[in-house]
Every structure is written in C-alpha cells, then in structure tokens.
Protein backbone atom coordinates (compact mmCIF):
# COMPACT_ATOMS: atom_id res chain seq x y z
CA UNK A 1 0.02 0.06 -0.13
CA UNK A 2 2.83 2.26 0.45
CA UNK A 3 3.20 2.72 -3.14
CA UNK A 4 0.12 4.40 -3.45
CA UNK A 5 1.56 7.35 -1.12
CA UNK A 6 3.96 7.73 -3.95
CA UNK A 7 1.67 7.73 -6.66
CA UNK A 8 -1.32 9.38 -5.84
CA UNK A 9 -4.32 9.59 -7.22
CA UNK A 10 -3.14 8.91 -10.64
CA UNK A 11 -2.95 4.98 -9.49
CA UNK A 12 -7.17 5.59 -8.73
CA UNK A 13 -8.02 2.64 -10.62
CA UNK A 14 -5.41 0.18 -9.36
CA UNK A 15 -6.27 1.16 -5.72
CA UNK A 16 -10.10 0.63 -6.54
CA UNK A 17 -9.32 -2.70 -8.18
CA UNK A 18 -7.58 -3.90 -4.83
CA UNK A 19 -10.46 -2.65 -2.73
CA UNK A 20 -12.60 -4.69 -5.24
CA UNK A 21 -10.71 -7.72 -4.99
CA UNK A 22 -10.98 -7.40 -0.94
CA UNK A 23 -14.68 -7.22 -1.31
CA UNK A 24 -15.07 -9.93 -3.64
CA UNK A 25 -12.56 -12.25 -1.55
CA UNK A 26 -14.73 -11.32 1.47
CA UNK A 27 -17.76 -12.19 -0.55
CA UNK A 28 -16.68 -15.40 -1.43
CA UNK A 29 -16.00 -16.33 1.96
CA UNK A 30 -19.34 -15.17 3.13
CA UNK A 31 -21.37 -17.40 0.76
CA UNK A 32 -19.25 -20.28 2.12
CA UNK A 33 -20.41 -19.46 5.37
CA UNK A 34 -23.95 -19.56 4.69
CA UNK A 35 -23.73 -22.56 2.24
CA UNK A 36 -24.81 -20.48 -0.57
CA UNK A 37 -23.58 -21.98 -4.15
CA UNK A 38 -23.17 -18.38 -5.69
CA UNK A 39 -20.17 -16.80 -6.89
CA UNK A 40 -19.63 -12.91 -6.47
CA UNK A 41 -19.95 -12.16 -10.28
CA UNK A 42 -22.95 -14.04 -10.38
CA UNK A 43 -25.06 -11.99 -7.99
CA UNK A 44 -26.18 -9.12 -10.04
CA UNK A 45 -27.70 -11.66 -12.35
CA UNK A 46 -29.19 -13.68 -9.51
CA UNK A 47 -30.44 -11.00 -7.91
CA UNK A 48 -32.62 -9.54 -11.26
CA UNK A 49 -33.67 -13.28 -11.71
CA UNK A 50 -35.08 -13.49 -8.03
CA UNK A 51 -37.15 -10.40 -8.73
CA UNK A 52 -38.42 -11.00 -12.29
CA UNK A 53 -39.22 -13.96 -14.33
CA UNK A 54 -38.93 -14.76 -17.59
CA UNK A 55 -36.19 -12.30 -18.56
CA UNK A 56 -33.97 -12.09 -21.79
CA UNK A 57 -29.93 -11.29 -21.63
CA UNK A 58 -30.28 -7.90 -23.07
CA UNK A 59 -32.87 -6.76 -20.37
CA UNK A 60 -30.81 -8.16 -17.66
CA UNK A 61 -27.48 -6.54 -18.98
CA UNK A 62 -29.65 -3.17 -19.02
CA UNK A 63 -30.64 -3.61 -15.32
CA UNK A 64 -27.23 -4.48 -14.26
CA UNK A 65 -25.24 -2.44 -16.41
CA UNK A 66 -23.15 -5.02 -17.93
CA UNK A 67 -22.23 -5.64 -21.75
CA UNK A 68 -24.65 -8.49 -23.23
CA UNK A 69 -21.62 -10.75 -23.95
CA UNK A 70 -20.78 -10.56 -19.95
CA UNK A 71 -24.06 -11.41 -19.06
CA UNK A 72 -24.25 -14.36 -21.50
CA UNK A 73 -20.89 -15.63 -20.04
CA UNK A 74 -22.24 -15.54 -16.64
CA UNK A 75 -25.82 -17.08 -17.54
CA UNK A 76 -23.85 -20.07 -19.07
CA UNK A 77 -21.80 -20.78 -15.83
CA UNK A 78 -24.62 -20.32 -13.66
CA UNK A 79 -26.49 -22.68 -15.99
CA UNK A 80 -23.62 -25.40 -15.70
CA UNK A 81 -24.19 -25.12 -11.84
CA UNK A 82 -27.82 -25.77 -12.25
CA UNK A 83 -28.90 -22.44 -11.01
CA UNK A 84 -30.93 -21.05 -14.17
CA UNK A 85 -32.55 -22.68 -17.37
CA UNK A 86 -32.96 -20.87 -20.48
CA UNK A 87 -36.24 -21.24 -22.62
CA UNK A 88 -38.14 -19.69 -25.29
CA UNK A 89 -40.70 -17.02 -24.48
CA UNK A 90 -43.87 -18.79 -24.29
CA UNK A 91 -45.62 -15.06 -26.11
CA UNK A 92 -42.65 -14.76 -28.50
CA UNK A 93 -40.74 -18.04 -29.61
CA UNK A 94 -38.09 -15.25 -30.96
CA UNK A 95 -36.59 -14.52 -27.73
CA UNK A 96 -34.69 -16.55 -25.21
CA UNK A 97 -35.48 -16.02 -21.73
CA UNK A 98 -33.42 -16.80 -18.44
CA UNK A 99 -35.15 -18.29 -14.83
CA UNK A 100 -34.04 -19.42 -12.00
CA UNK A 101 -33.87 -23.36 -12.15
CA UNK A 102 -35.57 -25.15 -9.13
CA UNK A 103 -32.20 -24.96 -7.36
CA UNK A 104 -32.01 -21.62 -7.73
CA UNK A 105 -35.24 -20.35 -6.46
CA UNK A 106 -34.52 -22.43 -2.94
CA UNK A 107 -31.44 -19.93 -3.11
CA UNK A 108 -33.94 -17.06 -2.72
CA UNK A 109 -35.22 -18.53 0.91
CA UNK A 110 -31.99 -19.54 2.15
CA UNK A 111 -30.05 -16.24 1.02
CA UNK A 112 -32.50 -13.83 3.34
CA UNK A 113 -30.35 -14.43 6.33
CA UNK A 114 -27.12 -13.46 4.68
CA UNK A 115 -29.02 -10.38 2.82
CA UNK A 116 -29.75 -9.12 6.33
CA UNK A 117 -26.53 -9.77 7.90
CA UNK A 118 -24.30 -8.18 5.18
CA UNK A 119 -26.58 -5.06 5.19
CA UNK A 120 -26.28 -4.90 8.98
CA UNK A 121 -22.14 -5.26 8.87
CA UNK A 122 -21.99 -2.39 6.13
CA UNK A 123 -23.72 -0.33 7.84
CA UNK A 124 -22.00 -0.73 11.14
CA UNK A 125 -18.81 -0.36 8.82
CA UNK A 126 -20.09 2.85 7.45
CA UNK A 127 -20.82 4.00 10.83
CA UNK A 128 -17.12 3.91 11.91
CA UNK A 129 -15.90 5.62 8.97
CA UNK A 130 -15.58 9.51 8.65
CA UNK A 131 -16.90 9.01 5.00
CA UNK A 132 -19.89 7.70 3.57
CA UNK A 133 -18.38 5.37 0.65
CA UNK A 134 -21.87 4.52 -0.72
CA UNK A 135 -23.00 8.23 -1.54
CA UNK A 136 -19.70 9.15 -2.61
CA UNK A 137 -19.89 6.18 -5.41
CA UNK A 138 -23.09 7.40 -6.30
CA UNK A 139 -21.74 10.88 -6.57
CA UNK A 140 -19.06 9.92 -8.69
CA UNK A 141 -20.86 7.68 -11.18
CA UNK A 142 -22.93 10.53 -11.65
CA UNK A 143 -19.95 12.94 -12.22
CA UNK A 144 -18.37 10.18 -14.56
CA UNK A 145 -21.56 9.93 -16.39
CA UNK A 146 -21.72 13.70 -17.22
CA UNK A 147 -17.88 13.47 -18.18
CA UNK A 148 -15.62 10.38 -18.19
CA UNK A 149 -11.95 10.27 -16.66
CA UNK A 150 -10.88 10.09 -20.22
CA UNK A 151 -12.18 13.11 -21.62
CA UNK A 152 -11.23 14.89 -18.14
CA UNK A 153 -7.47 13.85 -18.53
CA UNK A 154 -7.68 14.84 -22.18
CA UNK A 155 -8.91 18.29 -21.55
CA UNK A 156 -6.27 18.50 -18.58
CA UNK A 157 -3.56 17.53 -21.35
CA UNK A 158 -4.45 20.17 -23.74
CA UNK A 159 -4.51 23.12 -21.17
CA UNK A 160 -1.01 21.99 -19.95
CA UNK A 161 0.23 21.69 -23.58
CA UNK A 162 -1.29 25.25 -24.45
CA UNK A 163 0.84 26.87 -21.73
CA UNK A 164 3.70 26.01 -24.24
CA UNK A 165 1.63 27.59 -27.08
CA UNK A 166 2.36 31.27 -28.02
CA UNK A 167 0.60 33.25 -30.78
CA UNK A 168 2.80 35.50 -32.44
CA UNK A 169 2.06 38.08 -35.40
CA UNK A 170 3.65 37.01 -38.81
CA UNK A 171 7.25 37.66 -39.40
CA UNK A 172 9.13 37.13 -42.77
CA UNK A 173 11.03 33.88 -40.95
CA UNK A 174 7.69 32.18 -40.88
CA UNK A 175 7.00 32.20 -44.69
CA UNK A 176 7.55 28.92 -45.21
CA UNK A 177 5.83 27.45 -42.38
CA UNK A 178 2.86 29.24 -43.40
CA UNK A 179 3.14 27.76 -46.63
CA UNK A 180 4.18 24.18 -45.98
CA UNK A 181 1.30 23.66 -43.07
CA UNK A 182 -1.38 24.98 -45.64
CA UNK A 183 -0.52 23.20 -48.68
CA UNK A 184 -0.11 20.02 -46.29
CA UNK A 185 -3.66 20.18 -45.52
CA UNK A 186 -4.70 21.06 -48.89
CA UNK A 187 -3.01 18.30 -50.62
CA UNK A 188 -4.63 15.98 -48.26
CA UNK A 189 -8.22 16.59 -48.91
CA UNK A 190 -8.21 18.68 -52.18
CA UNK A 191 -5.97 20.41 -54.52
CA UNK A 192 -4.05 23.65 -54.46
CA UNK A 193 -5.89 26.09 -56.38
CA UNK A 194 -4.90 29.65 -57.95
CA UNK A 195 -6.21 31.74 -55.19
CA UNK A 196 -4.16 29.50 -52.65
CA UNK A 197 -0.69 30.14 -54.53
CA UNK A 198 -1.18 33.94 -54.75
CA UNK A 199 -1.87 33.96 -50.50
CA UNK A 200 0.93 31.43 -49.54
CA UNK A 201 3.47 32.58 -51.94
CA UNK A 202 2.78 36.28 -51.60
CA UNK A 203 1.59 36.77 -48.10
CA UNK A 204 3.18 39.86 -47.83
CA UNK A 205 1.62 41.73 -50.93
CA UNK A 206 -1.58 39.68 -51.32
CA UNK A 207 -2.24 39.75 -47.10
CA UNK A 208 -0.42 41.96 -45.24
CA UNK A 209 0.29 45.27 -47.65
CA UNK A 210 -3.72 45.03 -48.21
CA UNK A 211 -4.56 45.50 -44.34
CA UNK A 212 -4.66 41.91 -43.27
CA UNK A 213 -3.22 39.78 -40.68
CA UNK A 214 -1.38 36.10 -40.23
CA UNK A 215 -0.99 34.65 -36.72
CA UNK A 216 1.42 31.98 -36.08
CA UNK A 217 1.16 29.44 -33.35
CA UNK A 218 4.57 28.44 -31.86
CA UNK A 219 4.87 25.42 -29.50
CA UNK A 220 8.01 25.68 -27.68
CA UNK A 221 9.15 28.35 -30.42
CA UNK A 222 8.52 25.88 -33.15
CA UNK A 223 5.64 26.90 -35.64
CA UNK A 224 2.99 24.66 -35.87
CA UNK A 225 -0.27 26.60 -36.70
CA UNK A 226 -0.99 29.49 -38.76
CA UNK A 227 -4.18 31.32 -39.86
CA UNK A 228 -4.82 34.71 -41.58
CA UNK A 229 -7.34 37.65 -41.53
CA UNK A 230 -7.78 38.56 -45.23
CA UNK A 231 -9.28 42.20 -45.52
CA UNK A 232 -12.42 41.95 -47.88
CA UNK A 233 -13.73 44.54 -50.06
CA UNK A 234 -17.14 43.76 -48.84
CA UNK A 235 -19.75 46.18 -47.22
CA UNK A 236 -20.87 43.27 -45.00
CA UNK A 237 -17.57 41.33 -43.61
CA UNK A 238 -14.41 43.24 -42.47
CA UNK A 239 -12.18 40.11 -42.67
CA UNK A 240 -12.04 36.86 -44.12
CA UNK A 241 -10.53 34.19 -41.34
CA UNK A 242 -8.55 31.64 -43.74
CA UNK A 243 -5.55 29.82 -44.28
CA UNK A 244 -6.01 28.30 -40.76
CA UNK A 245 -3.43 24.79 -40.57
CA UNK A 246 -2.24 23.21 -37.93
CA UNK A 247 0.58 20.98 -38.04
CA UNK A 248 -0.68 16.91 -37.81
CA UNK A 249 2.24 16.63 -34.82
CA UNK A 250 0.41 19.43 -32.47
CA UNK A 251 -3.24 18.47 -33.40
CA UNK A 252 -4.94 17.63 -29.89
CA UNK A 253 -3.36 20.58 -27.87
CA UNK A 254 -5.82 23.24 -28.56
CA UNK A 255 -3.83 25.21 -31.45
CA UNK A 256 -6.76 25.70 -33.82
CA UNK A 257 -8.97 27.41 -30.47
CA UNK A 258 -5.91 29.44 -29.55
CA UNK A 259 -5.46 30.38 -33.26
CA UNK A 260 -9.41 31.09 -33.74
CA UNK A 261 -9.41 33.08 -30.59
CA UNK A 262 -6.34 35.35 -31.24
CA UNK A 263 -7.80 35.92 -34.59
CA UNK A 264 -11.48 36.63 -33.43
CA UNK A 265 -9.31 39.12 -30.94
CA UNK A 266 -7.36 40.88 -33.29
CA UNK A 267 -10.46 41.66 -35.70
CA UNK A 268 -11.92 42.95 -32.62
CA UNK A 269 -8.98 45.25 -31.88
CA UNK A 270 -9.19 46.45 -35.43
CA UNK A 271 -12.60 47.42 -34.82
CA UNK A 272 -14.14 44.75 -37.33
CA UNK A 273 -17.81 44.31 -37.32
CA UNK A 274 -18.23 40.61 -38.79
CA UNK A 275 -16.06 38.18 -40.07
CA UNK A 276 -16.35 35.37 -42.97
CA UNK A 277 -15.05 31.98 -43.83
CA UNK A 278 -15.27 29.25 -46.35
CA UNK A 279 -15.07 25.76 -45.63
CA UNK A 280 -15.83 22.43 -46.63
CA UNK A 281 -18.31 20.33 -44.42
CA UNK A 282 -15.75 16.99 -44.90
CA UNK A 283 -13.54 18.65 -42.92
CA UNK A 284 -15.71 18.02 -39.30
CA UNK A 285 -13.36 18.80 -36.74
CA UNK A 286 -12.70 22.36 -38.58
CA UNK A 287 -16.48 23.09 -39.01
CA UNK A 288 -17.20 22.12 -35.31
CA UNK A 289 -14.33 24.37 -34.00
CA UNK A 290 -15.86 27.43 -35.93
CA UNK A 291 -19.00 26.56 -34.26
CA UNK A 292 -17.38 26.76 -31.02
CA UNK A 293 -16.10 29.99 -31.83
CA UNK A 294 -19.51 31.44 -32.64
CA UNK A 295 -19.59 31.21 -36.50
CA UNK A 296 -22.64 30.50 -38.27
CA UNK A 297 -23.80 29.22 -41.57
CA UNK A 298 -24.96 31.63 -44.61
CA UNK A 299 -25.58 31.05 -48.19
CA UNK A 300 -25.47 32.86 -51.42
CA UNK A 301 -22.23 33.75 -51.75
CA UNK A 302 -19.66 33.61 -54.67
CA UNK A 303 -16.70 31.82 -54.12
CA UNK A 304 -13.11 31.55 -55.90
CA UNK A 305 -12.62 28.05 -54.24
CA UNK A 306 -13.99 24.67 -56.07
CA UNK A 307 -13.56 23.09 -52.80
CA UNK A 308 -15.94 25.81 -50.73
CA UNK A 309 -19.03 24.00 -49.88
CA UNK A 310 -19.88 26.12 -46.77
CA UNK A 311 -19.66 29.86 -45.73
CA UNK A 312 -20.01 31.13 -42.17
CA UNK A 313 -20.05 34.49 -40.53
CA UNK A 314 -19.47 35.66 -37.00
CA UNK A 315 -20.79 38.97 -35.79
CA UNK A 316 -18.85 40.93 -33.86
CA UNK A 317 -21.08 43.74 -32.79
C-alpha cells in the first residue's frame, strides 16, 4: 500500500481494483459461510432473476449495466451449475428468456439471512468511517456519467500543452511554415488552386500590405499552426478568416482554438464588425471548431474556391 503514497491519485484505478478484490474475496467467503452455492460475479444476475421471471439477456444487461457478452457468459456459468435455465418465450418464440431453476429458487429463501447480516455489517462499517462510501460512489458515478475520466484527462492535457503555445504576429521568417502547413492540409483533402498560390507564395503583398493579418502559433518556439485575416472589400464583412492550418504532430493541443480566438480578438482590436470564412463539410473537426468559435452558416455568396461548400460568418457587434 505504500506505493499509493508515492503515486497519489493517478493510481485511482489500481487502488479501486485492490479494494474490489478485497470485497470479492470476502464475498466468496461469506457465501461459503452461509452454504450458498454462488460466485460473487453472479450475484447481480441472480438478484434480477429473483425479482423477475422470464427475463432476456438484453434486459438483464440493461438492468445491471453489463455488456450482453458478459451477461451471456455469466448465465452459461450459472446454467452449468444448475442455477438457471434458458427457454423460448411462450409469448414470442423468437426470444430466449432466462429463469432461475428449482435449485436457483431455493437459494432465494436461503440467502435472506445473509442479506440481512451483510447489510447490517456494512451499515456498522459505514458508521465507523468518516465518509459515506456509498454516497461517494453514487456521486462519482453521476459525475463520470457527465464526463468520463478519459475526457477529463484529455482536457487537462490540452490545458497543459496550451501553456507552451504562444501566438505571435507573422514575420518573414515564418513564410515557409505558413506555406508548408497550408499546402500539406489542402493537398491531403483537395487540390491547390490559384487563390491558394497567391496568398501562400506572396503573403506580404497579397495579405499584409492590403490590411490583413497573419498569426503564427509557436509550440516551444516551433511554428505549428497559422491562420490569416484577409481584408475584404465587402460592405458586410471586414475580414475573411482563412488559411488556418495546424501541423498533424500538434493536433490535440488546442492550437486551432487558440489561433481562432486570437484571430477574433485581433479583428476586434481593428474595430471589425463581422468575419467571414469558407470551408468544406468533410472537414468535420474544423467545422466543429468554427461553431465553437461562434460562426454560423450563411448562403448565397460567390467563392473563388472549387472545394468550398459551406460559408460561415461571425458578427462581432
């Protein structure tokens, strides 16, 4: 147990497995104490069948929160020990239902004293403790249903990685990164077009000298993401959010979100009223990002890109 003092909460799963193993070993010994022919892992299935007759494996799985293959395996084991039987449903011959056998039904009566004694022992144990484990488990189950531990770790990782990300203004030394990152993603899904070459080969004259902006995301000093605000000659929109690209090795580190927000803040600082962008619906992560940033779909505008099949806007005022 000393190892948990060194590992801390990151070994939560291992510690819970050890606690579960203790309860499981004790449960097996308790069944022997009361002369009940039962394995601890069978109990949830047995309890459902003791309350309901003619239950399908699917219904049992839903009731106890196990997978169907897991329940099927338990039912086979219980059947091999003579505790359950499987029959065709009398009302629907296509369904197999599980029932306690005569031997299984005998256990219902025999196990009642065990139920009472175990419940009282657990209540006494709980009274000795400073914390109510049962309530804590219910609370943790609820919280993990809202957001799994995996999702929480992934979000924590993104926040940590994001602390190494810096969004900086474009400089000439980033021209190759600006071009290469964009060429890589465009070529992966589509083909390079004339408008791409103009902005990527000549960012100074095509974007910056016309009043646009380019932002670069540095991860530990290395350029891993870029995006541009291209000045639009349009009464409705001030800038087009364009040429956003993130290196595959930096994906999952929140780079797109940081770039998008930085671009929006830059547009606001330039007193922009609205932003516009074009994309393609096969780029689902990108579309989801734009929605999270606040962009909404618009229609009916001409586009110079063959690949564009969705247009979006963000009103800033």
